[in-house]
Protein backbone atom coordinates (compact mmCIF):
# COMPACT_ATOMS: atom_id res chain seq x y z
CA UNK A 1 -19.03 35.82 -37.25
CA UNK A 2 -17.71 32.52 -35.70
CA UNK A 3 -15.45 32.09 -38.03
CA UNK A 4 -14.13 35.69 -37.29
CA UNK A 5 -13.94 35.06 -33.71
CA UNK A 6 -11.92 31.87 -34.14
CA UNK A 7 -9.45 33.70 -36.28
CA UNK A 8 -9.00 36.33 -33.60
CA UNK A 9 -8.49 33.34 -31.06
CA UNK A 10 -5.71 31.63 -33.01
CA UNK A 11 -4.14 35.29 -33.68
CA UNK A 12 -4.29 35.80 -30.36
CA UNK A 13 -3.08 32.40 -28.86
CA UNK A 14 -0.01 32.65 -31.86
CA UNK A 15 1.19 36.12 -30.23
CA UNK A 16 0.99 34.70 -26.65
CA UNK A 17 3.04 31.77 -27.49
CA UNK A 18 -0.09 29.65 -26.70
CA UNK A 19 -1.12 26.20 -28.44
CA UNK A 20 -3.74 26.48 -31.18
CA UNK A 21 -7.53 25.41 -29.97
CA UNK A 22 -7.75 21.52 -29.95
CA UNK A 23 -3.74 21.28 -29.72
CA UNK A 24 -4.00 19.52 -25.92
CA UNK A 25 -6.55 17.02 -27.16
CA UNK A 26 -4.25 16.19 -30.13
CA UNK A 27 -1.25 15.67 -28.11
CA UNK A 28 1.22 14.50 -28.96
CA UNK A 29 1.54 14.62 -32.93
CA UNK A 30 5.27 14.67 -33.04
CA UNK A 31 8.43 13.03 -31.01
CA UNK A 32 9.15 14.73 -27.40
CA UNK A 33 12.42 15.34 -26.30
CA UNK A 34 13.43 14.46 -22.72
CA UNK A 35 16.32 16.42 -21.37
CA UNK A 36 18.24 14.36 -18.86
CA UNK A 37 20.42 16.61 -16.59
CA UNK A 38 23.34 14.63 -16.19
CA UNK A 39 26.09 12.23 -18.29
CA UNK A 40 24.73 8.92 -19.38
CA UNK A 41 25.20 5.92 -16.86
CA UNK A 42 23.57 7.44 -13.52
CA UNK A 43 20.46 7.24 -11.98
CA UNK A 44 18.89 9.98 -13.54
CA UNK A 45 19.69 8.71 -16.98
CA UNK A 46 18.97 5.02 -16.03
CA UNK A 47 15.52 5.84 -14.48
CA UNK A 48 14.71 8.49 -17.31
CA UNK A 49 14.97 5.82 -20.18
CA UNK A 50 12.85 3.26 -18.14
CA UNK A 51 10.03 5.43 -18.07
CA UNK A 52 10.66 7.21 -21.58
CA UNK A 53 9.95 3.50 -23.29
CA UNK A 54 6.61 2.85 -21.70
CA UNK A 55 5.63 6.46 -21.97
CA UNK A 56 6.35 6.58 -25.66
CA UNK A 57 4.21 3.63 -26.14
CA UNK A 58 1.41 4.80 -24.14
CA UNK A 59 1.83 8.28 -26.10
CA UNK A 60 2.18 6.81 -29.43
CA UNK A 61 5.32 8.92 -30.24
CA UNK A 62 8.88 8.71 -29.79
CA UNK A 63 10.61 9.91 -26.93
CA UNK A 64 14.33 11.28 -27.90
CA UNK A 65 16.32 11.44 -24.72
CA UNK A 66 19.03 13.96 -24.85
CA UNK A 67 21.73 14.28 -22.05
CA UNK A 68 22.49 17.85 -21.10
CA UNK A 69 24.97 17.93 -18.34
CA UNK A 70 27.27 20.51 -16.06
CA UNK A 71 26.93 22.95 -13.43
CA UNK A 72 25.21 20.02 -10.97
CA UNK A 73 22.46 19.67 -13.69
CA UNK A 74 21.59 23.28 -13.82
CA UNK A 75 22.38 23.22 -17.73
CA UNK A 76 19.82 20.82 -18.51
CA UNK A 77 17.55 22.12 -16.26
CA UNK A 78 17.89 25.69 -17.46
CA UNK A 79 17.33 24.70 -21.10
CA UNK A 80 14.49 22.46 -19.96
CA UNK A 81 12.63 25.19 -17.99
CA UNK A 82 13.25 27.74 -21.07
CA UNK A 83 11.82 25.83 -23.64
CA UNK A 84 8.25 26.22 -25.18
CA UNK A 85 5.51 25.55 -22.90
CA UNK A 86 3.83 22.78 -25.35
CA UNK A 87 4.91 19.55 -23.80
CA UNK A 88 7.05 18.81 -26.20
CA UNK A 89 10.08 19.18 -24.33
CA UNK A 90 10.48 17.33 -20.72
CA UNK A 91 13.18 17.16 -18.27
CA UNK A 92 14.28 14.51 -15.80
CA UNK A 93 15.69 16.22 -12.91
CA UNK A 94 16.71 14.81 -9.13
CA UNK A 95 16.74 16.22 -5.39
CA UNK A 96 19.96 18.16 -6.36
CA UNK A 97 19.06 19.88 -9.82
CA UNK A 98 15.21 20.82 -9.05
CA UNK A 99 15.39 21.46 -5.16
CA UNK A 100 19.15 22.28 -3.78
CA UNK A 101 21.04 23.14 -7.06
CA UNK A 102 19.46 26.70 -7.62
CA UNK A 103 20.47 27.88 -4.38
CA UNK A 104 23.88 27.51 -5.30
CA UNK A 105 24.23 28.15 -8.73
CA UNK A 106 23.60 31.87 -9.84
CA UNK A 107 23.45 30.90 -13.02
CA UNK A 108 20.28 28.41 -12.99
CA UNK A 109 17.43 30.99 -14.42
CA UNK A 110 14.82 28.38 -13.09
CA UNK A 111 13.01 28.29 -10.12
CA UNK A 112 11.66 24.48 -9.37
CA UNK A 113 8.36 25.83 -7.93
CA UNK A 114 7.35 27.49 -10.86
CA UNK A 115 7.85 24.55 -13.29
CA UNK A 116 4.82 22.08 -14.35
CA UNK A 117 5.45 18.84 -12.41
CA UNK A 118 4.58 15.91 -14.21
CA UNK A 119 5.53 13.31 -11.55
CA UNK A 120 7.84 11.19 -9.41
CA UNK A 121 9.47 8.24 -11.13
CA UNK A 122 11.47 6.70 -8.13
CA UNK A 123 13.04 7.47 -5.11
CA UNK A 124 16.49 6.54 -4.81
CA UNK A 125 18.91 5.08 -1.81
CA UNK A 126 22.20 5.93 -1.63
CA UNK A 127 25.46 3.98 -1.44
CA UNK A 128 28.76 5.13 -0.06
CA UNK A 129 31.01 2.75 -2.35
CA UNK A 130 34.86 2.36 -2.68
CA UNK A 131 37.35 1.06 -5.62
CA UNK A 132 38.19 -2.38 -5.62
CA UNK A 133 41.72 -1.56 -5.09
CA UNK A 134 41.13 0.44 -2.05
CA UNK A 135 42.77 -1.55 1.20
CA UNK A 136 39.32 -0.58 3.35
CA UNK A 137 36.88 -3.54 3.47
CA UNK A 138 34.35 -1.82 6.06
CA UNK A 139 32.94 1.98 6.66
CA UNK A 140 35.03 2.05 9.89
CA UNK A 141 38.38 0.98 7.79
CA UNK A 142 37.75 3.82 5.21
CA UNK A 143 37.18 6.41 8.13
CA UNK A 144 40.40 5.50 9.80
CA UNK A 145 42.41 5.94 6.63
CA UNK A 146 40.68 9.28 5.63
CA UNK A 147 41.10 10.59 9.13
CA UNK A 148 45.04 9.61 8.81
CA UNK A 149 45.15 11.44 5.48
CA UNK A 150 42.56 14.30 5.77
CA UNK A 151 41.91 15.91 2.31
CA UNK A 152 44.06 13.22 0.33
CA UNK A 153 41.28 10.37 -0.12
CA UNK A 154 39.37 11.67 -3.54
CA UNK A 155 35.81 11.30 -3.55
CA UNK A 156 33.81 11.61 -6.83
CA UNK A 157 30.24 12.73 -7.19
CA UNK A 158 27.91 14.43 -10.00
CA UNK A 159 28.78 18.23 -9.69
CA UNK A 160 28.19 20.96 -7.32
CA UNK A 161 25.21 20.70 -5.66
CA UNK A 162 24.02 17.22 -7.16
CA UNK A 163 22.38 14.78 -5.13
CA UNK A 164 25.70 12.75 -4.79
CA UNK A 165 27.67 15.94 -3.56
CA UNK A 166 24.88 16.89 -0.90
CA UNK A 167 24.94 13.35 0.18
CA UNK A 168 28.65 13.36 1.00
CA UNK A 169 28.88 16.47 2.19
CA UNK A 170 25.85 15.44 4.93
CA UNK A 171 28.53 12.53 5.32
CA UNK A 172 31.36 14.65 6.04
CA UNK A 173 29.54 16.86 8.34
CA UNK A 174 28.18 13.94 10.56
CA UNK A 175 31.34 11.98 10.31
CA UNK A 176 34.04 15.06 10.42
CA UNK A 177 35.96 13.31 7.62
CA UNK A 178 37.31 15.51 4.86
CA UNK A 179 37.52 14.45 1.36
CA UNK A 180 39.26 15.32 -2.07
CA UNK A 181 35.85 15.99 -3.59
CA UNK A 182 35.77 15.83 -7.60
CA UNK A 183 33.12 16.97 -9.51
CA UNK A 184 31.80 15.25 -12.53
CA UNK A 185 29.39 16.41 -15.36
CA UNK A 186 27.29 13.13 -14.09
CA UNK A 187 27.22 10.24 -11.80
CA UNK A 188 28.10 8.01 -14.98
CA UNK A 189 31.49 9.51 -14.93
CA UNK A 190 32.44 9.30 -11.61
CA UNK A 191 31.24 5.68 -11.45
CA UNK A 192 33.53 5.00 -14.34
CA UNK A 193 36.26 6.38 -12.61
CA UNK A 194 35.70 4.48 -9.26
CA UNK A 195 35.69 1.32 -11.57
CA UNK A 196 38.83 2.18 -13.33
CA UNK A 197 40.74 2.52 -10.11
CA UNK A 198 40.87 6.25 -10.95
CA UNK A 199 38.88 7.18 -7.60
CA UNK A 200 39.03 5.92 -3.84
CA UNK A 201 35.07 6.60 -3.02
CA UNK A 202 31.93 8.02 -4.35
CA UNK A 203 28.39 8.37 -2.94
CA UNK A 204 26.26 6.75 -5.53
CA UNK A 205 22.64 6.25 -6.29
CA UNK A 206 21.37 2.90 -6.45
CA UNK A 207 20.47 2.96 -9.81
CA UNK A 208 24.02 3.31 -10.53
CA UNK A 209 25.49 1.63 -7.92
CA UNK A 210 23.26 -1.64 -7.70
CA UNK A 211 24.57 -2.94 -10.95
CA UNK A 212 28.57 -2.52 -10.16
CA UNK A 213 28.45 -4.04 -6.68
CA UNK A 214 26.60 -7.22 -8.18
CA UNK A 215 28.66 -7.08 -10.54
CA UNK A 216 31.90 -7.04 -8.19
CA UNK A 217 33.41 -3.81 -10.04
CA UNK A 218 33.33 -1.85 -6.77
CA UNK A 219 32.39 -2.35 -3.25
CA UNK A 220 29.61 -0.69 -1.30
CA UNK A 221 30.60 -0.02 2.00
CA UNK A 222 27.17 0.93 3.25
CA UNK A 223 23.73 2.01 2.02
CA UNK A 224 22.15 5.09 3.63
CA UNK A 225 19.28 3.80 5.18
CA UNK A 226 18.04 1.86 8.56
CA UNK A 227 18.08 -1.40 6.96
CA UNK A 228 19.78 -3.24 4.59
CA UNK A 229 18.65 -3.48 0.56
CA UNK A 230 17.48 -6.84 -0.39
CA UNK A 231 19.02 -6.04 -3.75
CA UNK A 232 22.53 -5.94 -2.15
CA UNK A 233 22.14 -8.00 1.23
CA UNK A 234 25.82 -7.86 1.89
CA UNK A 235 26.08 -4.19 1.88
CA UNK A 236 25.93 -3.05 5.45
CA UNK A 237 23.09 -0.45 6.63
CA UNK A 238 24.20 3.31 7.78
CA UNK A 239 23.40 2.15 11.15
CA UNK A 240 25.24 -1.18 11.15
CA UNK A 241 28.33 0.93 9.29
CA UNK A 242 28.58 3.39 12.53
CA UNK A 243 27.07 6.42 11.04
CA UNK A 244 23.62 6.25 12.34
CA UNK A 245 22.92 9.77 11.25
CA UNK A 246 23.79 9.25 7.70
CA UNK A 247 20.14 8.48 6.46
CA UNK A 248 19.66 9.84 2.90
CA UNK A 249 17.09 9.23 0.27
CA UNK A 250 17.37 10.92 -3.62
CA UNK A 251 14.61 11.29 -6.13
CA UNK A 252 14.12 11.18 -9.76
CA UNK A 253 11.14 13.14 -11.47
CA UNK A 254 9.80 14.48 -14.61
CA UNK A 255 8.87 18.64 -15.33
CA UNK A 256 7.53 20.51 -18.27
CA UNK A 257 8.13 23.97 -18.39
CA UNK A 258 5.93 26.67 -16.64
CA UNK A 259 2.53 27.79 -18.58
CA UNK A 260 2.13 23.80 -20.17
CA UNK A 261 -1.52 23.40 -20.54
CA UNK A 262 -2.93 21.46 -17.86
CA UNK A 263 -4.72 19.10 -20.71
CA UNK A 264 -1.21 18.04 -21.80
CA UNK A 265 0.22 18.06 -18.36
CA UNK A 266 -2.30 15.68 -17.77
CA UNK A 267 -1.69 13.42 -20.32
CA UNK A 268 1.79 13.36 -19.67
CA UNK A 269 1.19 12.57 -16.22
CA UNK A 270 -0.91 9.74 -17.16
CA UNK A 271 1.34 8.16 -19.61
CA UNK A 272 3.96 8.26 -16.75
CA UNK A 273 1.13 6.49 -14.08
CA UNK A 274 0.62 3.77 -16.71
CA UNK A 275 4.35 3.28 -16.98
CA UNK A 276 4.72 3.24 -12.97
CA UNK A 277 1.44 0.86 -12.84
CA UNK A 278 2.97 -1.53 -15.02
CA UNK A 279 4.51 -4.50 -12.90
CA UNK A 280 7.68 -4.81 -15.58
CA UNK A 281 8.39 -1.38 -14.97
CA UNK A 282 8.04 -1.82 -11.15
CA UNK A 283 10.36 -4.60 -11.39
CA UNK A 284 12.63 -3.11 -13.36
CA UNK A 285 12.95 -0.19 -11.04
CA UNK A 286 12.96 -2.14 -7.95
CA UNK A 287 15.61 -4.42 -9.70
CA UNK A 288 18.07 -0.94 -9.53
CA UNK A 289 17.27 -0.56 -5.78
CA UNK A 290 15.30 1.97 -6.03
CA UNK A 291 11.80 2.59 -4.93
CA UNK A 292 8.61 3.36 -7.17
CA UNK A 293 6.06 5.91 -5.79
CA UNK A 294 2.95 4.65 -3.74
CA UNK A 295 0.15 6.00 -4.98
CA UNK A 296 -0.28 9.18 -2.74
CA UNK A 297 3.39 10.23 -4.35
CA UNK A 298 2.29 10.05 -7.88
CA UNK A 299 1.11 12.85 -10.09
CA UNK A 300 1.65 16.57 -10.84
CA UNK A 301 0.64 17.79 -7.40
CA UNK A 302 1.87 15.06 -5.05
CA UNK A 303 5.60 16.30 -6.89
CA UNK A 304 4.89 20.26 -6.38
CA UNK A 305 4.38 19.38 -2.90
CA UNK A 306 7.57 17.71 -2.57
CA UNK A 307 9.50 20.07 -4.21
CA UNK A 308 8.30 23.04 -2.33
CA UNK A 309 9.38 21.34 1.00
CA UNK A 310 12.89 20.28 -0.50
CA UNK A 311 13.59 23.23 -1.95
CA UNK A 312 12.98 25.15 1.62
CA UNK A 313 15.05 22.25 3.47
CA UNK A 314 18.26 22.29 1.25
CA UNK A 315 18.38 25.71 1.34
CA UNK A 316 18.45 25.87 4.72
CA UNK A 317 21.49 22.88 4.55
CA UNK A 318 23.57 24.63 1.84
CA UNK A 319 23.60 28.09 4.12
CA UNK A 320 24.55 26.14 7.00
CA UNK A 321 27.04 24.01 5.45
CA UNK A 322 28.61 27.06 3.23
CA UNK A 323 28.35 25.30 0.07
CA UNK A 324 28.70 27.60 -2.90
CA UNK A 325 29.45 27.68 -6.85
CA UNK A 326 32.92 27.04 -7.71
């Protein structure tokens, strides 16, 4: 009889698409795919690879990073949300892709609040940068040129609804400036065109901005914070640059599909926590200008609460700003 019960349970689990008994305890038994919702080289990609490298060692399995970009991150986020809920497909998203973009894109067939949250990787301060060949040396000089040439100053971002796009939309709102906004399939390609002097400006998150500013390949006119960053002490804060209302911080986090078993979520979250508690990992994150989460910000429930509040907040902003799918 016990064997019949076990067989019936296994058949029912298979029909419902549930993992077999003991699967959660054995997890993982094969490589994990980690979908990054933007192109290589941007903040989301850089932070995802830092987390994946350490998590793979903790879990004893490879984590294969796959960049699936487009539509403000919603193409990759949709694929991740619709994957089998077994823990073998994770998604690394951002404030844009997992809070704001679903309010913009009708094609986004997922609700971030219904996903299985794994945990926050880092908070990501934001920089306003210009190409090295741009004549403006300060944000006020840049603003004067932009006002004299409304809609002609080019500004790259990671796609409509991305964190970068929302940040520059906020900047235009608080300053009254108007840019020629150019959407890319991720932050990396936008940064590349700023470095190549093909685009005048961009709103760029710290992991992608800080190395370029330190290398002298593009100039930071401000960091969207009350104080300067110790990683880029030469870059003024938004307050110093004369735009005290331009305060903005993005974030990056890991999600699993809805219905992922709690023991699997706990295993993955524990591996992420181990990474974030490693001094070397925290140093790498901080060197990029990002902010590792505090203990109370770590774990699935903290991320669940963050996403719920951010979805509500940005839905209001998006409606007020009239941002829509293009």
